[in-house]
């Protein structure tokens, strides 16, 4: 896999999930067995905004040449996805998320490994 491919994949993942997080987080999380209160729904919407930022960074940075800027993008994306994976696993193993919620973990795992190859 090359750098441009993983960047485009991450941009597409963010494009798919940001409107869900911004507009229908309650319904989305209910599929994973999680009921959101007002505070959690607010945080889910803020997360949707971060997905927009990630999407734009990945899309406009997909052609970055090897160097400091590209390395900074890779480092950011790797740790972002690694922390997301850890969070999903914690919530899955403590019983908060159902098996559908574990699907998010697989997405984070794929992206963390993909960006990890460029560290």
Protein backbone atom coordinates (compact mmCIF):
# COMPACT_ATOMS: atom_id res chain seq x y z
CA UNK A 1 0.00 0.00 0.00
CA UNK A 2 1.36 3.43 -0.81
CA UNK A 3 0.97 6.66 1.12
CA UNK A 4 -1.60 8.19 -1.21
CA UNK A 5 -3.83 5.10 -0.97
CA UNK A 6 -3.99 5.07 2.84
CA UNK A 7 -4.63 8.81 2.88
CA UNK A 8 -7.53 8.47 0.42
CA UNK A 9 -8.98 5.52 2.37
CA UNK A 10 -8.88 7.52 5.61
CA UNK A 11 -10.44 10.54 3.87
CA UNK A 12 -13.28 8.34 2.58
CA UNK A 13 -13.85 6.78 6.02
CA UNK A 14 -14.06 10.27 7.52
CA UNK A 15 -16.38 11.40 4.73
CA UNK A 16 -18.74 8.52 5.49
CA UNK A 17 -18.78 8.95 9.27
CA UNK A 18 -18.67 12.73 9.82
CA UNK A 19 -22.29 13.40 8.76
CA UNK A 20 -23.46 10.48 10.90
CA UNK A 21 -21.65 11.88 13.93
CA UNK A 22 -22.87 15.42 13.26
CA UNK A 23 -26.52 14.70 12.52
CA UNK A 24 -27.62 11.30 13.85
CA UNK A 25 -25.20 10.14 16.57
CA UNK A 26 -28.01 8.82 18.80
CA UNK A 27 -29.33 6.47 16.14
CA UNK A 28 -25.84 5.37 15.08
CA UNK A 29 -24.67 4.54 18.59
CA UNK A 30 -27.93 2.76 19.41
CA UNK A 31 -27.00 0.22 16.72
CA UNK A 32 -23.87 -0.51 18.77
CA UNK A 33 -25.84 -0.88 21.98
CA UNK A 34 -25.02 2.55 23.42
CA UNK A 35 -27.61 5.10 24.54
CA UNK A 36 -26.30 8.64 24.41
CA UNK A 37 -27.35 11.34 26.84
CA UNK A 38 -27.26 15.02 25.90
CA UNK A 39 -23.61 15.39 26.91
CA UNK A 40 -22.48 12.34 24.98
CA UNK A 41 -24.44 13.42 21.90
CA UNK A 42 -22.71 16.79 22.09
CA UNK A 43 -19.29 15.09 22.25
CA UNK A 44 -20.23 12.82 19.34
CA UNK A 45 -21.04 15.90 17.28
CA UNK A 46 -17.72 17.49 18.23
CA UNK A 47 -16.07 14.24 17.12
CA UNK A 48 -17.88 14.66 13.80
CA UNK A 49 -16.16 18.02 13.45
CA UNK A 50 -12.78 16.41 14.08
CA UNK A 51 -13.56 13.91 11.34
CA UNK A 52 -14.04 16.80 8.92
CA UNK A 53 -10.60 18.08 9.90
CA UNK A 54 -9.06 14.63 9.45
CA UNK A 55 -10.80 14.20 6.10
CA UNK A 56 -9.46 17.51 4.80
CA UNK A 57 -5.95 16.83 6.11
CA UNK A 58 -5.87 13.42 4.46
CA UNK A 59 -7.38 14.54 1.18
CA UNK A 60 -5.23 17.64 0.72
CA UNK A 61 -2.13 15.95 2.14
CA UNK A 62 -2.39 12.81 0.03
CA UNK A 63 0.29 14.01 -2.39
CA UNK A 64 2.78 15.12 0.26
CA UNK A 65 6.35 14.25 -0.60
CA UNK A 66 8.61 12.47 1.86
CA UNK A 67 9.81 14.93 4.45
CA UNK A 68 8.84 16.62 7.70
CA UNK A 69 5.28 17.51 6.71
CA UNK A 70 4.46 14.00 5.54
CA UNK A 71 6.07 12.48 8.63
CA UNK A 72 4.00 14.78 10.86
CA UNK A 73 0.80 13.71 9.07
CA UNK A 74 1.72 10.03 9.42
CA UNK A 75 2.59 10.39 13.11
CA UNK A 76 -0.66 12.23 13.81
CA UNK A 77 -2.81 9.72 11.91
CA UNK A 78 -1.06 6.71 13.44
CA UNK A 79 -1.55 7.83 17.04
CA UNK A 80 -5.09 9.07 16.36
CA UNK A 81 -6.10 5.67 15.01
CA UNK A 82 -4.15 3.72 17.64
CA UNK A 83 -5.85 5.62 20.46
CA UNK A 84 -9.22 5.12 18.75
CA UNK A 85 -8.54 1.38 18.58
CA UNK A 86 -7.62 1.23 22.26
CA UNK A 87 -10.76 3.17 23.22
CA UNK A 88 -13.01 0.85 21.19
CA UNK A 89 -11.40 -2.23 22.74
CA UNK A 90 -11.83 -0.87 26.26
CA UNK A 91 -15.52 -0.16 25.67
CA UNK A 92 -16.04 -3.49 23.93
CA UNK A 93 -14.41 -5.57 26.66
CA UNK A 94 -16.19 -3.73 29.48
CA UNK A 95 -19.52 -4.50 27.81
CA UNK A 96 -20.46 -1.00 26.66
CA UNK A 97 -20.26 -1.81 22.93
CA UNK A 98 -21.82 -4.80 21.21
CA UNK A 99 -20.10 -6.76 18.44
CA UNK A 100 -21.24 -4.23 15.82
CA UNK A 101 -19.32 -1.60 17.76
CA UNK A 102 -16.21 -3.73 17.36
CA UNK A 103 -16.40 -2.95 13.65
CA UNK A 104 -15.11 0.53 14.46
CA UNK A 105 -12.14 -1.19 16.08
CA UNK A 106 -11.35 -3.00 12.86
CA UNK A 107 -11.39 0.27 10.95
CA UNK A 108 -9.04 1.85 13.49
CA UNK A 109 -6.80 -1.23 13.39
CA UNK A 110 -6.58 -1.14 9.60
CA UNK A 111 -5.74 2.56 9.57
CA UNK A 112 -3.24 2.33 12.45
CA UNK A 113 -1.38 -0.50 10.72
CA UNK A 114 -1.56 1.34 7.39
CA UNK A 115 -0.07 4.52 8.82
CA UNK A 116 2.32 2.53 11.01
CA UNK A 117 3.96 1.20 7.86
CA UNK A 118 5.08 4.75 7.07
CA UNK A 119 6.61 5.55 10.47
